[in-house]
Amino acid sequence: MDESEIKYTPAPGEAQLTWRAVIVGSLTGSIVACTNIYVGLQIGWSFGASIIAAVLSYSIFATFNRHLSVLETNIAQAAGSTAGHMASAAGLLSAIPAMMMLGQTVPPLTVMLWAMVVSLLGIFFAVPLRRQFVEIEKLKFPTGTATAETILAMVSEGSEALAKSRALIWSAVFAGLFTLASHFVPELKKPAFHEWLGIGALATAAMWGFSLNLGPSLLGAGMLMGSRVVWSLLAGTIVGWGILGPFAQQQGWAPGEKIMADFATGPRGWILWPGVAILVCESLMSLALSWRTVLKVFTTRASLGETDEADPEAIPNSWWVGGLMLASGAMVWLAYWAFAIPWYLTLIAIPMSAVLASVGVRSVGETDVNPVGGLGKVTQLVFGGLAPGQMTTNLMSAAITAGGASQAADMMQDLKTGHLLGASPRKLLIAQMGGLIAGTIFVVPVFEIVTHAWELGSKELPAPAALAWKAMAEVLAKGFAALPPHAPLVMAIAALFGASLPCLRRIPRIKPYVPSGLAFGIGFIVPPDNSLNMFWGLVIYYIWRIINAKSADKLSFAVASGFIAGEGLMGIVNALLTIAGITPST
């Protein structure tokens, strides 16, 4: 939907910033954030809450014939989007669990303060960039534009919104009940066909993780992620676990017999390194090839503020400048108090975050891709040079930069939606602040519950993004001599492969067939049954489209989101049961 096609003009006095919109939006977004903790620590990335928050918020009130206005729905969506992004922006899928896997305890209060301060930096970075990228350059911001289109469609066709909402809720109920039942009867989720059938080949495949996994959340993820990503994930799984892992064990490079659990000497710890090399080098090459985007950030005369005396709804300079100063001061203190990071390194990290926020915002505006992976690796490399051998400083300084930049880029999607719908930037900022607080309150306790129930890096919680951050910090601190036998050579080959993918995608004729390096690399890191589960989700979507393409196009997003939310929320209950010792054996 092009901006010129927007036909909506807010009615005079139309309701916008209301308590009901902020509260419901924040709650729906917080649900997504909680499921992002559970699912993100399994697959390595999170899902946005923008459209889910809009659909659910509108539908909740429409069910009781108390409809939200267009602008109220936008407020609910903005609050929900901010809350839903907290798992990623706060580093709860990457830097924080990486720190924990390095043996450092990070108290819940510290995590909560960190989540709030990093996200505040991102939100205040976004404000001065809004005028340049949204109003002057009118970048598309595909997700933000699609969200505006969704909101207008819901208001004009409320029955379709209710149908999507019902599909989401019923699929969530099914996924939740299935997840609870599988806690007591694990064979429901992971049927042991290799044992029941007594076929040797199946037993060998299962030993390497190629077994059936019917987790609803990963099925839903496979339906949502698209063909290229899922096929890339499957290809990475086959190469990593089906070829390189057995070869390394056979050659005596990774002799450990505990394939799924032994990171020190087993195949899983060995194939981790080429997977990380692919992830890092694809991210860095993608960023390097976006040099025009980076150059525009430094050559475009961007507005330094929102203030427009003729517009009482613009965000005053005093709001964002004052907020940025307070958040920066809080971050300097917090980084030193919690992680012993020298004040001057934090003062380097914050301006770096501002610069990379501009790069991330432009990238999202032009391509809908937030290059947080590449931004994180760039900052790890920088701080690896500034603080050699200091893994904690490397991880958490990079987390400041990547978290703030990531939050700013994703929040700009909401500001684009509001711009298209004629919303007040000032009121959207207030809604985002409400979502930030709610998301933090919900997501940190869930992170604590999940990481206490299952070990990070285990089969239940592989934490691939955190493993990549941890591995990068270890290499920068210890050097390549600390790697397993022959891993550096394979890493070099994998690095060339990862770096070549963005280059190949610039050739139009073969672009559709070039795999996703992110997904291919993660296929090396997560257990194979997780990747296979997402592949079965894609297969289900293919079959659904063959049977009824219209229904699949209309409802697949809602059903997949319901699967993710249902298992994600009930997974938290299962974690509490595990902590309490209520398991199948009891």
Protein backbone atom coordinates (compact mmCIF):
# COMPACT_ATOMS: atom_id res chain seq x y z
CA MET A 1 0.00 0.00 0.00
CA ASP A 2 1.64 3.25 -1.13
CA GLU A 3 1.26 6.34 1.03
CA SER A 4 -0.63 8.05 -1.77
CA GLU A 5 -3.29 5.33 -1.52
CA ILE A 6 -4.15 6.09 2.13
CA LYS A 7 -7.71 7.38 2.19
CA TYR A 8 -8.18 7.66 5.94
CA THR A 9 -8.59 11.06 7.58
CA PRO A 10 -9.21 11.04 11.34
CA ALA A 11 -12.55 12.49 12.39
CA PRO A 12 -12.40 15.62 14.58
CA GLY A 13 -12.09 14.52 18.18
CA GLU A 14 -11.64 10.84 17.30
CA ALA A 15 -10.59 8.82 20.35
CA GLN A 16 -6.90 7.96 20.32
CA LEU A 17 -4.82 7.73 23.51
CA THR A 18 -7.21 5.92 25.86
CA TRP A 19 -6.52 3.73 28.86
CA ARG A 20 -8.32 0.77 27.30
CA ALA A 21 -6.19 0.92 24.15
CA VAL A 22 -2.88 1.19 26.03
CA ILE A 23 -3.73 -1.52 28.56
CA VAL A 24 -5.08 -4.06 26.07
CA GLY A 25 -2.29 -3.36 23.58
CA SER A 26 0.37 -3.68 26.26
CA LEU A 27 -1.11 -6.96 27.51
CA THR A 28 -1.37 -8.56 24.07
CA GLY A 29 2.17 -7.44 23.24
CA SER A 30 3.42 -8.80 26.56
CA ILE A 31 1.92 -12.18 25.70
CA VAL A 32 3.93 -12.15 22.47
CA ALA A 33 7.05 -11.11 24.40
CA CYS A 34 6.62 -14.03 26.81
CA THR A 35 6.20 -16.49 23.96
CA ASN A 36 9.24 -14.93 22.26
CA ILE A 37 11.30 -15.90 25.32
CA TYR A 38 10.17 -19.52 25.15
CA VAL A 39 10.32 -19.86 21.37
CA GLY A 40 13.25 -17.49 20.77
CA LEU A 41 15.54 -19.45 23.08
CA GLN A 42 14.76 -22.50 20.94
CA ILE A 43 15.12 -21.11 17.42
CA GLY A 44 17.25 -17.97 17.77
CA TRP A 45 14.91 -15.21 16.65
CA SER A 46 11.69 -13.55 17.73
CA PHE A 47 8.40 -12.56 16.12
CA GLY A 48 6.88 -9.09 15.92
CA ALA A 49 3.73 -8.24 17.82
CA SER A 50 2.49 -5.35 15.69
CA ILE A 51 -0.25 -7.01 13.61
CA ILE A 52 -1.15 -9.54 16.33
CA ALA A 53 -1.66 -6.71 18.85
CA ALA A 54 -3.79 -4.76 16.36
CA VAL A 55 -6.02 -7.75 15.49
CA LEU A 56 -6.48 -8.99 19.04
CA SER A 57 -7.02 -5.56 20.59
CA TYR A 58 -9.65 -4.62 18.03
CA SER A 59 -11.34 -8.03 18.20
CA ILE A 60 -11.53 -8.11 22.01
CA PHE A 61 -13.63 -4.96 22.07
CA ALA A 62 -15.56 -5.82 18.88
CA THR A 63 -16.70 -9.07 20.52
CA PHE A 64 -18.55 -6.99 23.12
CA ASN A 65 -19.71 -4.46 20.52
CA ARG A 66 -17.42 -1.76 21.96
CA HIS A 67 -15.32 -1.01 18.92
CA LEU A 68 -11.96 0.73 19.04
CA SER A 69 -11.51 3.64 16.66
CA VAL A 70 -8.81 3.50 14.00
CA LEU A 71 -6.49 5.69 16.07
CA GLU A 72 -7.19 3.75 19.26
CA THR A 73 -6.29 0.55 17.42
CA ASN A 74 -3.07 2.24 16.30
CA ILE A 75 -2.29 3.14 19.92
CA ALA A 76 -2.96 -0.44 21.03
CA GLN A 77 -0.77 -1.75 18.22
CA ALA A 78 2.11 0.63 19.08
CA ALA A 79 2.01 -0.33 22.77
CA GLY A 80 1.80 -4.01 21.85
CA SER A 81 4.63 -3.81 19.34
CA THR A 82 6.95 -2.21 21.90
CA ALA A 83 6.05 -4.76 24.58
CA GLY A 84 6.43 -7.66 22.17
CA HIS A 85 9.90 -6.56 21.09
CA MET A 86 11.27 -6.50 24.65
CA ALA A 87 12.62 -10.07 24.55
CA SER A 88 14.91 -9.17 21.66
CA ALA A 89 15.78 -5.54 22.45
CA ALA A 90 16.76 -6.34 26.05
CA GLY A 91 19.19 -9.01 24.88
CA LEU A 92 17.24 -11.83 26.53
CA LEU A 93 17.78 -14.05 23.49
CA SER A 94 21.44 -13.15 22.97
CA ALA A 95 23.79 -11.26 25.29
CA ILE A 96 22.16 -11.97 28.67
CA PRO A 97 21.91 -15.78 28.20
CA ALA A 98 25.42 -15.72 26.68
CA MET A 99 26.66 -14.15 29.91
CA MET A 100 24.89 -16.86 31.90
CA MET A 101 26.46 -19.61 29.79
CA LEU A 102 29.86 -18.08 30.59
CA GLY A 103 29.09 -18.71 34.25
CA GLN A 104 28.05 -15.22 35.38
CA THR A 105 24.88 -14.78 37.41
CA VAL A 106 22.68 -11.92 36.26
CA PRO A 107 20.07 -11.09 38.96
CA PRO A 108 16.45 -10.46 37.84
CA LEU A 109 16.54 -6.84 39.07
CA THR A 110 19.62 -6.20 36.94
CA VAL A 111 17.94 -7.79 33.91
CA MET A 112 14.83 -5.66 34.44
CA LEU A 113 16.78 -2.42 34.74
CA TRP A 114 18.90 -3.35 31.73
CA ALA A 115 15.81 -4.12 29.62
CA MET A 116 14.20 -0.77 30.43
CA VAL A 117 17.29 1.41 29.95
CA VAL A 118 18.42 -0.19 26.67
CA SER A 119 14.90 0.04 25.24
CA LEU A 120 14.53 3.66 26.34
CA LEU A 121 17.71 4.49 24.44
CA GLY A 122 16.22 2.90 21.33
CA ILE A 123 12.90 4.71 21.63
CA PHE A 124 14.58 8.11 22.09
CA PHE A 125 16.99 7.42 19.22
CA ALA A 126 13.97 6.87 16.96
CA VAL A 127 12.29 10.22 17.70
CA PRO A 128 14.72 12.60 15.92
CA LEU A 129 15.01 10.19 12.97
CA ARG A 130 11.26 10.09 12.37
CA ARG A 131 10.95 13.33 10.43
CA GLN A 132 13.78 12.50 8.03
CA PHE A 133 12.89 8.90 7.24
CA VAL A 134 9.08 8.95 7.58
CA GLU A 135 8.03 12.47 6.56
CA ILE A 136 10.78 13.73 4.26
CA GLU A 137 12.11 10.61 2.52
CA LYS A 138 8.83 8.71 2.95
CA LEU A 139 10.56 5.32 3.17
CA LYS A 140 8.11 2.46 2.80
CA PHE A 141 8.62 0.54 6.08
CA PRO A 142 6.75 -2.51 4.71
CA THR A 143 5.58 -3.92 8.07
CA GLY A 144 4.43 -0.51 9.27
CA THR A 145 2.58 0.06 6.01
CA ALA A 146 1.00 -3.42 6.14
CA THR A 147 -0.12 -2.76 9.72
CA ALA A 148 -1.86 0.45 8.67
CA GLU A 149 -3.60 -1.46 5.89
CA THR A 150 -4.64 -4.18 8.36
CA ILE A 151 -6.11 -1.67 10.80
CA LEU A 152 -8.16 0.05 8.09
CA ALA A 153 -9.36 -3.31 6.75
CA MET A 154 -10.43 -4.46 10.21
CA VAL A 155 -12.44 -1.35 10.91
CA SER A 156 -14.21 -1.54 7.54
CA GLU A 157 -14.67 -5.34 7.69
CA GLY A 158 -15.01 -6.22 11.35
CA SER A 159 -16.22 -9.76 10.60
CA GLU A 160 -12.88 -10.70 9.04
CA ALA A 161 -11.02 -9.43 12.09
CA LEU A 162 -13.24 -11.56 14.33
CA ALA A 163 -12.64 -14.63 12.12
CA LYS A 164 -8.88 -14.17 12.39
CA SER A 165 -9.14 -13.61 16.12
CA ARG A 166 -11.20 -16.78 16.60
CA ALA A 167 -8.70 -18.79 14.54
CA LEU A 168 -5.85 -17.45 16.64
CA ILE A 169 -7.58 -18.14 19.95
CA TRP A 170 -8.74 -21.67 19.09
CA SER A 171 -5.34 -22.65 17.70
CA ALA A 172 -3.75 -21.23 20.87
CA VAL A 173 -6.11 -23.24 23.07
CA PHE A 174 -5.32 -26.43 21.14
CA ALA A 175 -1.56 -25.77 21.30
CA GLY A 176 -1.74 -24.98 25.01
CA LEU A 177 -3.67 -28.14 25.91
CA PHE A 178 -1.39 -30.26 23.73
CA THR A 179 1.69 -28.74 25.40
CA LEU A 180 0.34 -29.35 28.89
CA ALA A 181 -0.57 -32.94 28.03
CA SER A 182 2.87 -33.55 26.52
CA HIS A 183 4.51 -32.50 29.77
CA PHE A 184 2.98 -35.57 31.42
CA VAL A 185 3.06 -37.80 28.32
CA PRO A 186 6.23 -36.76 26.40
CA GLU A 187 5.51 -39.31 23.65
CA LEU A 188 2.69 -37.04 22.43
CA LYS A 189 5.20 -34.41 21.38
CA LYS A 190 8.13 -36.67 20.58
CA PRO A 191 6.85 -40.12 19.55
CA ALA A 192 9.74 -42.63 19.60
CA PHE A 193 9.03 -44.33 16.29
CA HIS A 194 12.69 -45.37 16.03
CA GLU A 195 12.23 -47.47 19.18
CA TRP A 196 8.75 -48.76 18.44
CA LEU A 197 9.59 -49.91 14.91
CA GLY A 198 13.01 -51.32 15.74
CA ILE A 199 14.57 -50.06 12.50
CA GLY A 200 18.32 -49.53 12.85
CA ALA A 201 18.54 -46.65 10.37
CA LEU A 202 15.84 -44.72 12.25
CA ALA A 203 17.64 -45.34 15.54
CA THR A 204 20.91 -43.99 14.12
CA ALA A 205 19.12 -40.93 12.70
CA ALA A 206 17.41 -40.32 16.07
CA MET A 207 20.77 -40.54 17.83
CA TRP A 208 21.85 -37.56 15.71
CA GLY A 209 18.61 -35.69 16.45
CA PHE A 210 16.68 -36.55 13.26
CA SER A 211 13.46 -37.56 14.98
CA LEU A 212 9.85 -36.45 15.05
CA ASN A 213 8.96 -33.38 17.11
CA LEU A 214 5.36 -32.15 17.13
CA GLY A 215 5.79 -28.95 19.12
CA PRO A 216 3.03 -26.53 17.97
CA SER A 217 5.16 -23.38 18.32
CA LEU A 218 7.80 -24.58 15.89
CA LEU A 219 5.12 -25.80 13.47
CA GLY A 220 3.67 -22.28 13.62
CA ALA A 221 7.10 -20.74 13.14
CA GLY A 222 7.58 -22.83 10.00
CA MET A 223 4.25 -21.59 8.64
CA LEU A 224 5.24 -17.97 9.25
CA MET A 225 8.87 -17.84 8.18
CA GLY A 226 8.48 -18.52 4.48
CA SER A 227 9.88 -21.09 2.09
CA ARG A 228 13.41 -19.70 1.62
CA VAL A 229 14.13 -19.48 5.33
CA VAL A 230 12.73 -22.91 6.19
CA TRP A 231 14.43 -24.70 3.29
CA SER A 232 17.70 -22.96 4.25
CA LEU A 233 17.28 -24.13 7.83
CA LEU A 234 16.70 -27.69 6.65
CA ALA A 235 19.75 -27.55 4.36
CA GLY A 236 21.93 -26.29 7.21
CA THR A 237 20.66 -29.09 9.43
CA ILE A 238 21.51 -31.75 6.86
CA VAL A 239 24.98 -30.34 6.17
CA GLY A 240 25.82 -29.71 9.82
CA TRP A 241 24.26 -32.66 11.64
CA GLY A 242 23.98 -35.14 8.80
CA ILE A 243 27.39 -34.68 7.14
CA LEU A 244 29.93 -32.59 9.09
CA GLY A 245 29.06 -33.87 12.58
CA PRO A 246 29.38 -37.60 11.77
CA PHE A 247 32.51 -36.89 9.69
CA ALA A 248 34.17 -34.98 12.57
CA GLN A 249 33.36 -37.79 15.00
CA GLN A 250 34.63 -40.46 12.59
CA GLN A 251 37.89 -38.56 12.08
CA GLY A 252 38.43 -38.26 15.82
CA TRP A 253 38.11 -34.45 15.81
CA ALA A 254 35.00 -34.61 18.02
CA PRO A 255 35.12 -38.03 19.67
CA GLY A 256 32.55 -37.36 22.41
CA GLU A 257 29.74 -39.92 22.40
CA LYS A 258 27.11 -37.58 23.89
CA ILE A 259 26.18 -36.04 20.58
CA MET A 260 23.45 -33.69 21.80
CA ALA A 261 24.94 -32.71 25.17
CA ASP A 262 28.74 -32.63 24.94
CA PHE A 263 29.95 -29.21 23.83
CA ALA A 264 33.51 -29.81 25.01
CA THR A 265 34.46 -32.86 22.91
CA GLY A 266 31.28 -33.90 21.10
CA PRO A 267 30.11 -33.21 17.54
CA ARG A 268 27.61 -30.58 18.68
CA GLY A 269 30.39 -28.41 20.10
CA TRP A 270 32.41 -28.89 16.90
CA ILE A 271 29.74 -28.01 14.34
CA LEU A 272 28.77 -24.96 16.40
CA TRP A 273 31.82 -23.11 15.05
CA PRO A 274 31.18 -23.33 11.29
CA GLY A 275 27.54 -22.42 12.01
CA VAL A 276 28.63 -19.29 13.87
CA ALA A 277 31.08 -18.43 11.08
CA ILE A 278 28.27 -18.54 8.52
CA LEU A 279 26.02 -16.37 10.72
CA VAL A 280 28.68 -13.76 11.43
CA CYS A 281 30.12 -13.47 7.94
CA GLU A 282 26.78 -13.29 6.18
CA SER A 283 25.68 -10.54 8.60
CA LEU A 284 28.88 -8.56 8.15
CA MET A 285 28.90 -8.89 4.36
CA SER A 286 25.23 -7.85 4.16
CA LEU A 287 26.09 -4.78 6.19
CA ALA A 288 29.12 -4.04 4.02
CA LEU A 289 27.10 -4.35 0.81
CA SER A 290 24.61 -1.86 2.26
CA TRP A 291 27.30 0.82 2.14
CA ARG A 292 24.99 3.16 0.26
CA THR A 293 22.50 2.95 3.12
CA VAL A 294 25.29 3.69 5.61
CA LEU A 295 26.60 6.53 3.43
CA LYS A 296 23.15 8.13 3.23
CA VAL A 297 23.02 8.24 7.03
CA PHE A 298 26.11 10.45 7.08
CA THR A 299 25.37 12.53 3.98
CA THR A 300 21.66 13.22 4.45
CA ARG A 301 20.78 16.30 6.45
CA ALA A 302 18.50 14.71 9.03
CA SER A 303 16.23 16.73 11.29
CA LEU A 304 17.52 17.01 14.85
CA GLY A 305 14.09 17.24 16.39
CA GLU A 306 10.35 16.91 16.15
CA THR A 307 9.33 20.32 17.43
CA ASP A 308 6.97 22.18 15.13
CA GLU A 309 5.30 25.10 16.86
CA ALA A 310 2.39 24.85 14.43
CA ASP A 311 1.72 21.22 15.41
CA PRO A 312 0.76 20.66 19.05
CA GLU A 313 0.96 16.88 18.54
CA ALA A 314 4.64 16.83 17.56
CA ILE A 315 7.13 15.46 20.07
CA PRO A 316 8.92 18.36 21.80
CA ASN A 317 12.72 18.37 21.65
CA SER A 318 12.78 18.60 25.44
CA TRP A 319 11.08 15.19 25.69
CA TRP A 320 13.53 13.18 23.64
CA VAL A 321 16.70 15.14 24.46
CA GLY A 322 15.96 15.03 28.17
CA GLY A 323 14.95 11.37 27.98
CA LEU A 324 18.09 10.47 26.04
CA MET A 325 20.31 12.25 28.56
CA LEU A 326 18.63 10.50 31.50
CA ALA A 327 18.76 7.10 29.80
CA SER A 328 22.43 7.59 28.87
CA GLY A 329 23.35 8.53 32.43
CA ALA A 330 21.42 5.53 33.76
CA MET A 331 23.22 3.24 31.31
CA VAL A 332 26.68 4.51 32.31
CA TRP A 333 25.87 3.78 35.96
CA LEU A 334 24.14 0.45 35.29
CA ALA A 335 26.86 -0.91 33.01
CA TYR A 336 29.52 -0.15 35.64
CA TRP A 337 27.47 -1.34 38.63
CA ALA A 338 26.22 -4.58 37.06
CA PHE A 339 29.06 -5.60 34.72
CA ALA A 340 32.07 -3.45 35.71
CA ILE A 341 32.18 -1.82 32.27
CA PRO A 342 34.30 1.37 32.42
CA TRP A 343 32.30 4.56 31.96
CA TYR A 344 34.26 5.62 28.89
CA LEU A 345 33.40 2.38 27.03
CA THR A 346 29.71 2.96 27.70
CA LEU A 347 30.10 6.50 26.40
CA ILE A 348 31.52 4.96 23.22
CA ALA A 349 28.75 2.37 22.99
CA ILE A 350 25.89 4.88 23.20
CA PRO A 351 26.96 7.11 20.25
CA MET A 352 27.75 3.94 18.27
CA SER A 353 24.21 2.80 19.00
CA ALA A 354 22.84 6.12 17.74
CA VAL A 355 24.77 5.80 14.47
CA LEU A 356 23.81 2.16 13.97
CA ALA A 357 20.21 3.03 14.85
CA SER A 358 20.21 5.31 11.80
CA VAL A 359 21.60 2.46 9.69
CA GLY A 360 19.03 0.03 11.09
CA VAL A 361 16.12 2.44 10.60
CA ARG A 362 17.04 3.07 6.96
CA SER A 363 17.49 -0.66 6.35
CA VAL A 364 14.07 -1.45 7.84
CA GLY A 365 12.50 1.42 5.92
CA GLU A 366 13.90 0.26 2.58
CA THR A 367 13.94 -3.54 2.95
CA ASP A 368 11.95 -4.44 6.11
CA VAL A 369 15.08 -6.23 7.40
CA ASN A 370 16.48 -5.18 10.77
CA PRO A 371 20.23 -5.96 10.53
CA VAL A 372 20.58 -6.47 14.29
CA GLY A 373 22.73 -9.58 13.79
CA GLY A 374 25.31 -7.69 11.78
CA LEU A 375 25.14 -4.67 14.09
CA GLY A 376 25.79 -6.89 17.08
CA LYS A 377 28.79 -8.57 15.48
CA VAL A 378 30.26 -5.23 14.38
CA THR A 379 30.13 -3.92 17.93
CA GLN A 380 31.56 -7.16 19.36
CA LEU A 381 34.51 -6.75 17.00
CA VAL A 382 34.97 -3.10 18.03
CA PHE A 383 34.86 -3.80 21.76
CA GLY A 384 37.02 -6.89 21.30
CA GLY A 385 39.72 -4.44 20.21
CA LEU A 386 38.98 -1.81 22.86
CA ALA A 387 38.86 -4.33 25.73
CA PRO A 388 40.88 -7.38 24.65
CA GLY A 389 40.31 -10.50 26.71
CA GLN A 390 37.29 -9.02 28.53
CA MET A 391 34.36 -11.23 27.53
CA THR A 392 31.83 -9.55 29.84
CA THR A 393 32.74 -6.10 28.55
CA ASN A 394 32.62 -7.37 24.96
CA LEU A 395 29.17 -8.91 25.33
CA MET A 396 27.40 -6.21 27.30
CA SER A 397 28.94 -3.20 25.53
CA ALA A 398 27.83 -4.74 22.25
CA ALA A 399 24.41 -5.41 23.79
CA ILE A 400 24.00 -1.67 24.49
CA THR A 401 24.73 -0.80 20.88
CA ALA A 402 22.75 -3.61 19.25
CA GLY A 403 19.78 -3.33 21.64
CA GLY A 404 19.31 0.40 21.21
CA ALA A 405 19.72 0.23 17.44
CA SER A 406 17.34 -2.73 17.15
CA GLN A 407 14.66 -1.07 19.26
CA ALA A 408 14.88 2.19 17.31
CA ALA A 409 14.51 0.43 13.96
CA ASP A 410 11.48 -1.60 15.04
CA MET A 411 9.77 1.33 16.75
CA MET A 412 10.00 3.33 13.53
CA GLN A 413 7.59 0.83 11.95
CA ASP A 414 4.96 1.97 14.48
CA LEU A 415 5.67 5.62 13.82
CA LYS A 416 5.20 4.93 10.09
CA THR A 417 1.85 3.26 10.79
CA GLY A 418 0.78 6.25 12.85
CA HIS A 419 1.91 8.69 10.17
CA LEU A 420 -0.16 6.88 7.53
CA LEU A 421 -3.23 6.94 9.78
CA GLY A 422 -2.83 10.57 10.84
CA ALA A 423 -2.03 9.71 14.47
CA SER A 424 -0.34 11.98 16.99
CA PRO A 425 3.42 11.24 17.29
CA ARG A 426 3.30 12.51 20.88
CA LYS A 427 0.56 10.06 21.85
CA LEU A 428 2.28 7.19 20.05
CA LEU A 429 5.42 7.86 22.09
CA ILE A 430 3.39 7.70 25.32
CA ALA A 431 1.83 4.40 24.17
CA GLN A 432 5.28 2.99 23.40
CA MET A 433 6.48 3.93 26.88
CA GLY A 434 3.50 2.09 28.37
CA GLY A 435 4.29 -0.97 26.27
CA LEU A 436 7.94 -0.85 27.33
CA ILE A 437 7.03 -0.92 31.03
CA ALA A 438 4.46 -3.70 30.62
CA GLY A 439 6.72 -5.80 28.44
CA THR A 440 9.57 -5.57 30.93
CA ILE A 441 7.35 -6.48 33.88
CA PHE A 442 6.12 -9.60 32.11
CA VAL A 443 9.15 -10.74 30.15
CA VAL A 444 11.86 -10.75 32.83
CA PRO A 445 10.03 -13.11 35.26
CA VAL A 446 9.26 -15.42 32.33
CA PHE A 447 12.93 -15.39 31.33
CA GLU A 448 13.86 -16.32 34.90
CA ILE A 449 11.29 -19.15 35.00
CA VAL A 450 12.31 -20.65 31.67
CA THR A 451 16.07 -20.48 32.32
CA HIS A 452 15.64 -22.01 35.78
CA ALA A 453 13.55 -24.88 34.44
CA TRP A 454 15.91 -25.87 31.61
CA GLU A 455 19.63 -25.40 31.08
CA LEU A 456 20.70 -22.87 28.49
CA GLY A 457 22.35 -24.67 25.59
CA SER A 458 20.46 -27.88 26.33
CA LYS A 459 18.25 -29.76 23.89
CA GLU A 460 15.18 -28.16 25.48
CA LEU A 461 16.68 -24.65 25.32
CA PRO A 462 19.45 -24.54 22.68
CA ALA A 463 19.65 -20.71 22.65
CA PRO A 464 21.36 -20.48 19.22
CA ALA A 465 21.62 -16.67 19.15
CA ALA A 466 23.21 -16.65 22.61
CA LEU A 467 25.64 -19.39 21.58
CA ALA A 468 26.71 -17.28 18.61
CA TRP A 469 27.34 -14.23 20.84
CA LYS A 470 29.20 -16.39 23.38
CA ALA A 471 31.34 -18.02 20.68
CA MET A 472 32.25 -14.64 19.20
CA ALA A 473 33.28 -13.32 22.61
CA GLU A 474 35.39 -16.44 23.28
CA VAL A 475 37.23 -16.20 19.96
CA LEU A 476 37.97 -12.51 20.53
CA ALA A 477 39.20 -13.23 24.07
CA LYS A 478 41.07 -16.54 23.66
CA GLY A 479 41.98 -16.69 19.99
CA PHE A 480 41.55 -19.53 17.53
CA ALA A 481 43.93 -21.80 19.46
CA ALA A 482 41.09 -22.53 21.91
CA LEU A 483 38.93 -24.07 19.17
CA PRO A 484 38.43 -27.83 18.64
CA PRO A 485 40.79 -29.69 16.24
CA HIS A 486 40.49 -28.59 12.60
CA ALA A 487 37.61 -26.23 13.46
CA PRO A 488 39.51 -23.10 12.29
CA LEU A 489 39.93 -24.51 8.76
CA VAL A 490 36.27 -25.48 8.50
CA MET A 491 35.32 -22.10 9.95
CA ALA A 492 37.33 -20.37 7.21
CA ILE A 493 35.48 -22.33 4.52
CA ALA A 494 32.15 -21.63 6.24
CA ALA A 495 33.02 -17.94 6.51
CA LEU A 496 33.67 -17.73 2.76
CA PHE A 497 30.37 -19.50 2.13
CA GLY A 498 28.49 -17.14 4.45
CA ALA A 499 30.10 -14.04 2.95
CA SER A 500 29.31 -15.20 -0.59
CA LEU A 501 25.56 -15.46 0.01
CA PRO A 502 24.77 -11.70 0.12
CA CYS A 503 26.94 -11.26 -2.99
CA LEU A 504 25.04 -13.98 -4.85
CA ARG A 505 21.72 -12.42 -3.85
CA ARG A 506 22.68 -9.35 -5.86
CA ILE A 507 22.42 -11.41 -9.06
CA PRO A 508 18.71 -11.18 -9.98
CA ARG A 509 18.60 -14.45 -11.93
CA ILE A 510 19.71 -16.62 -9.02
CA LYS A 511 18.52 -14.49 -6.08
CA PRO A 512 15.38 -16.61 -5.41
CA TYR A 513 17.54 -19.74 -5.03
CA VAL A 514 20.22 -18.34 -2.69
CA PRO A 515 19.72 -19.64 0.86
CA SER A 516 19.40 -17.50 3.97
CA GLY A 517 22.75 -17.55 5.77
CA LEU A 518 21.05 -16.81 9.09
CA ALA A 519 18.79 -19.84 8.79
CA PHE A 520 21.51 -22.05 7.27
CA GLY A 521 23.88 -21.26 10.15
CA ILE A 522 21.22 -21.74 12.81
CA GLY A 523 20.59 -25.18 11.29
CA PHE A 524 24.07 -26.13 12.59
CA ILE A 525 23.28 -24.91 16.11
CA VAL A 526 19.74 -26.00 17.02
CA PRO A 527 18.90 -29.71 17.42
CA PRO A 528 17.76 -31.23 14.11
CA ASP A 529 14.28 -32.15 15.36
CA ASN A 530 13.60 -28.42 15.92
CA SER A 531 14.49 -27.64 12.31
CA LEU A 532 12.47 -30.60 11.05
CA ASN A 533 9.48 -29.43 13.08
CA MET A 534 9.58 -26.05 11.35
CA PHE A 535 9.86 -27.82 8.02
CA TRP A 536 6.69 -29.82 8.80
CA GLY A 537 4.98 -26.52 9.54
CA LEU A 538 5.85 -25.32 6.04
CA VAL A 539 4.57 -28.62 4.61
CA ILE A 540 1.26 -28.12 6.44
CA TYR A 541 1.00 -24.64 4.91
CA TYR A 542 1.70 -26.06 1.43
CA ILE A 543 -1.04 -28.68 1.86
CA TRP A 544 -3.47 -26.08 3.22
CA ARG A 545 -2.89 -23.89 0.17
CA ILE A 546 -3.51 -26.83 -2.16
CA ILE A 547 -6.80 -27.62 -0.41
CA ASN A 548 -8.04 -24.03 0.02
CA ALA A 549 -5.69 -21.22 -1.01
CA LYS A 550 -8.12 -18.46 0.03
CA SER A 551 -8.51 -19.85 3.53
CA ALA A 552 -4.75 -20.36 3.87
CA ASP A 553 -3.99 -16.80 2.79
CA LYS A 554 -6.64 -15.41 5.14
CA LEU A 555 -6.07 -17.47 8.30
CA SER A 556 -2.60 -19.05 8.22
CA PHE A 557 -0.98 -16.09 9.99
CA ALA A 558 -3.58 -16.24 12.77
CA VAL A 559 -3.34 -20.03 13.18
CA ALA A 560 0.45 -19.98 13.20
CA SER A 561 0.48 -17.14 15.73
CA GLY A 562 -1.96 -19.08 17.88
CA PHE A 563 0.27 -22.16 17.81
CA ILE A 564 3.25 -20.05 18.91
CA ALA A 565 1.31 -18.21 21.63
CA GLY A 566 -0.42 -21.35 22.94
CA GLU A 567 2.73 -23.42 23.40
CA GLY A 568 4.74 -20.39 24.50
CA LEU A 569 2.34 -19.57 27.33
CA MET A 570 1.75 -23.17 28.39
CA GLY A 571 5.49 -23.77 28.13
CA ILE A 572 5.85 -21.28 30.99
CA VAL A 573 3.40 -23.38 33.02
CA ASN A 574 5.41 -26.50 32.14
CA ALA A 575 8.56 -24.72 33.31
CA LEU A 576 6.92 -24.01 36.67
CA LEU A 577 5.87 -27.67 36.91
CA THR A 578 9.45 -28.72 36.14
CA ILE A 579 10.84 -26.40 38.82
CA ALA A 580 8.29 -27.82 41.29
CA GLY A 581 9.40 -31.34 40.43
CA ILE A 582 6.06 -32.32 38.90
CA THR A 583 7.27 -34.47 36.01
CA PRO A 584 6.07 -37.68 34.29
CA SER A 585 8.11 -39.81 36.68
CA THR A 586 6.15 -38.51 39.66
